[in-house]
């Protein structure tokens, strides 16, 4: 599992997701220190896959990136 603290010093989450055999796996979300969603997408055994979405601080979709 990750050695990075999953929370900012203000108690808000840095990221949320699951692990499989110590690797990021499945759907993940990454957050800014203010709590707003910054990016979301999926991992397959530690590798980014599929469509990754990036959001602005107001929650609007800024970019979609297809990872192949």
Protein backbone atom coordinates (compact mmCIF):
# COMPACT_ATOMS: atom_id res chain seq x y z
CA UNK A 1 0.00 0.00 0.00
CA UNK A 2 0.97 3.61 -0.40
CA UNK A 3 3.30 5.19 2.15
CA UNK A 4 1.90 8.63 1.27
CA UNK A 5 -0.50 10.00 3.85
CA UNK A 6 -3.95 9.90 2.22
CA UNK A 7 -4.95 13.10 4.06
CA UNK A 8 -3.78 16.71 3.96
CA UNK A 9 -2.78 18.36 7.25
CA UNK A 10 -6.27 19.94 7.31
CA UNK A 11 -7.86 16.45 7.42
CA UNK A 12 -9.24 16.52 3.87
CA UNK A 13 -8.41 13.55 1.61
CA UNK A 14 -5.61 13.73 -0.95
CA UNK A 15 -6.95 10.70 -2.80
CA UNK A 16 -9.43 7.85 -2.53
CA UNK A 17 -9.16 4.45 -4.15
CA UNK A 18 -8.48 0.78 -3.67
CA UNK A 19 -5.41 -1.38 -3.88
CA UNK A 20 -4.93 -4.88 -5.23
CA UNK A 21 -1.75 -6.70 -4.23
CA UNK A 22 -0.22 -3.36 -3.17
CA UNK A 23 -0.98 -1.62 -6.48
CA UNK A 24 -3.55 1.10 -7.22
CA UNK A 25 -6.48 -0.68 -8.80
CA UNK A 26 -9.96 0.35 -9.90
CA UNK A 27 -11.48 3.84 -9.77
CA UNK A 28 -9.49 6.59 -8.04
CA UNK A 29 -10.12 10.25 -7.19
CA UNK A 30 -7.48 12.88 -6.40
CA UNK A 31 -8.34 16.05 -4.51
CA UNK A 32 -6.90 19.50 -3.94
CA UNK A 33 -6.09 20.70 -0.43
CA UNK A 34 -9.35 22.71 -0.43
CA UNK A 35 -11.28 19.45 -0.91
CA UNK A 36 -12.26 20.00 -4.55
CA UNK A 37 -11.95 17.08 -6.96
CA UNK A 38 -8.92 17.55 -9.21
CA UNK A 39 -8.72 14.33 -11.23
CA UNK A 40 -10.38 10.95 -11.53
CA UNK A 41 -9.80 7.77 -13.44
CA UNK A 42 -8.99 4.10 -13.20
CA UNK A 43 -5.94 1.97 -12.60
CA UNK A 44 -5.28 -1.61 -13.61
CA UNK A 45 -2.62 -3.07 -11.31
CA UNK A 46 -0.87 0.29 -10.89
CA UNK A 47 -1.22 1.47 -14.50
CA UNK A 48 -3.54 4.28 -15.55
CA UNK A 49 -6.17 3.07 -18.00
CA UNK A 50 -9.20 4.40 -19.83
CA UNK A 51 -10.49 7.96 -19.62
CA UNK A 52 -9.00 10.31 -17.01
CA UNK A 53 -10.88 13.51 -16.21
CA UNK A 54 -9.44 16.77 -14.86
CA UNK A 55 -11.67 19.30 -13.10
CA UNK A 56 -11.37 22.95 -12.10
CA UNK A 57 -11.99 24.08 -8.52
CA UNK A 58 -15.70 24.62 -9.27
CA UNK A 59 -16.12 21.03 -10.43
CA UNK A 60 -16.28 21.77 -14.15
CA UNK A 61 -14.66 19.29 -16.51
CA UNK A 62 -11.51 20.87 -17.97
CA UNK A 63 -9.95 17.95 -19.83
CA UNK A 64 -10.43 14.31 -20.69
CA UNK A 65 -7.40 12.21 -21.48
CA UNK A 66 -7.58 8.70 -22.93
CA UNK A 67 -4.83 6.49 -21.57
CA UNK A 68 -4.07 3.49 -23.74
